[in-house]
Protein backbone atom coordinates (compact mmCIF):
# COMPACT_ATOMS: atom_id res chain seq x y z
CA MET A 1 -83.95 228.29 -61.52
CA HIS A 2 -81.41 225.49 -60.10
CA THR A 3 -84.24 224.00 -58.94
CA CYS A 4 -85.98 223.50 -62.60
CA ILE A 5 -82.69 221.93 -63.68
CA LEU A 6 -83.00 219.62 -61.30
CA GLN A 7 -86.44 218.94 -61.61
CA GLY A 8 -86.18 218.44 -64.92
CA ALA A 9 -82.71 216.17 -64.93
CA VAL A 10 -85.04 214.22 -62.21
CA GLN A 11 -87.79 213.90 -64.57
CA LYS A 12 -85.67 211.90 -67.41
CA SER A 13 -84.49 209.99 -65.31
CA ASP A 14 -87.37 208.55 -62.55
CA GLY A 15 -90.49 210.87 -63.78
CA ALA A 16 -92.94 212.25 -61.62
CA LEU A 17 -91.74 210.23 -59.06
CA GLY A 18 -88.45 211.42 -58.50
CA VAL A 19 -89.73 215.12 -58.70
CA GLY A 20 -91.97 213.82 -55.78
CA LEU A 21 -89.58 212.97 -53.62
CA VAL A 22 -87.53 215.70 -54.32
CA THR A 23 -89.81 218.27 -53.69
CA ALA A 24 -91.03 216.09 -50.31
CA VAL A 25 -87.20 216.04 -49.65
CA ARG A 26 -86.72 220.03 -50.37
CA SER A 27 -89.90 220.78 -48.17
CA ALA A 28 -88.15 219.08 -45.27
CA THR A 29 -85.20 220.51 -45.59
CA VAL A 30 -86.59 223.91 -45.45
CA SER A 31 -88.69 223.47 -42.47
CA LEU A 32 -85.57 222.46 -40.24
CA ALA A 33 -83.81 225.21 -41.84
CA SER A 34 -86.81 227.79 -40.89
CA GLY A 35 -86.88 225.61 -37.04
CA LEU A 36 -83.37 226.23 -36.94
CA LEU A 37 -82.58 228.93 -38.52
CA PHE A 38 -85.49 231.90 -37.47
CA CYS A 39 -87.09 230.63 -33.96
CA SER A 40 -87.75 232.92 -31.82
CA PRO A 41 -89.84 234.14 -28.77
CA ARG A 42 -90.99 236.41 -31.04
CA SER A 43 -91.94 234.77 -33.83
CA PRO A 44 -92.74 231.22 -31.96
CA SER A 45 -94.74 229.76 -35.69
CA GLN A 46 -91.07 229.53 -37.22
CA CYS A 47 -90.04 227.69 -34.33
CA LEU A 48 -89.64 223.51 -34.73
CA THR A 49 -91.97 220.87 -33.16
CA PRO A 50 -91.30 217.15 -32.30
CA LEU A 51 -94.08 216.58 -34.85
CA SER A 52 -92.40 218.78 -38.03
CA ALA A 53 -89.25 216.88 -36.80
CA ALA A 54 -90.51 214.05 -37.26
CA SER A 55 -92.42 215.32 -40.40
CA ALA A 56 -89.78 216.21 -41.67
CA LEU A 57 -87.43 212.42 -39.98
CA VAL A 58 -90.47 210.29 -42.23
CA VAL A 59 -89.85 212.21 -45.34
CA THR A 60 -86.32 212.59 -45.38
CA LEU A 61 -85.79 208.50 -44.32
CA GLY A 62 -88.37 207.48 -47.19
CA GLY A 63 -86.33 209.63 -49.53
CA VAL A 64 -83.49 207.68 -48.43
CA ALA A 65 -85.49 204.10 -48.31
CA TRP A 66 -87.33 204.80 -52.26
CA VAL A 67 -83.39 205.87 -53.54
CA THR A 68 -81.41 202.84 -51.85
CA ALA A 69 -84.01 200.26 -52.92
CA GLY A 70 -83.48 202.00 -56.48
CA ARG A 71 -80.12 201.18 -56.82
CA LEU A 72 -80.53 198.04 -54.85
CA LEU A 73 -83.42 196.48 -58.26
CA GLY A 74 -81.43 198.68 -61.11
CA ALA A 75 -78.57 196.38 -59.76
CA SER A 76 -80.07 193.54 -59.45
CA GLU A 77 -81.19 193.99 -62.82
CA ASN A 78 -78.04 194.83 -63.83
CA ARG A 79 -76.49 191.39 -63.08
CA ARG A 80 -79.62 188.91 -63.80
CA SER A 81 -79.33 190.77 -67.67
CA ASP A 82 -75.31 189.51 -67.73
CA GLN A 83 -76.16 185.96 -65.95
CA THR A 84 -78.38 185.60 -69.46
């Protein structure tokens, strides 16, 4: 339920790209958490591998870059409209 509310709020403000970003970061978080919580010798497929950790890192850093760039562009546009 909370996922639907979050995605609805993101959809209104950032559109489909924002929803896709939230979904990707959530997947990266689940991958890291399951690797840390459920890794055992009996279920090695749950263990975090260097490749899955790198994938989660790339997705998360991409999300941070996208949010930061959006805020910087928004601040730049606000300053430009204030000057006119």
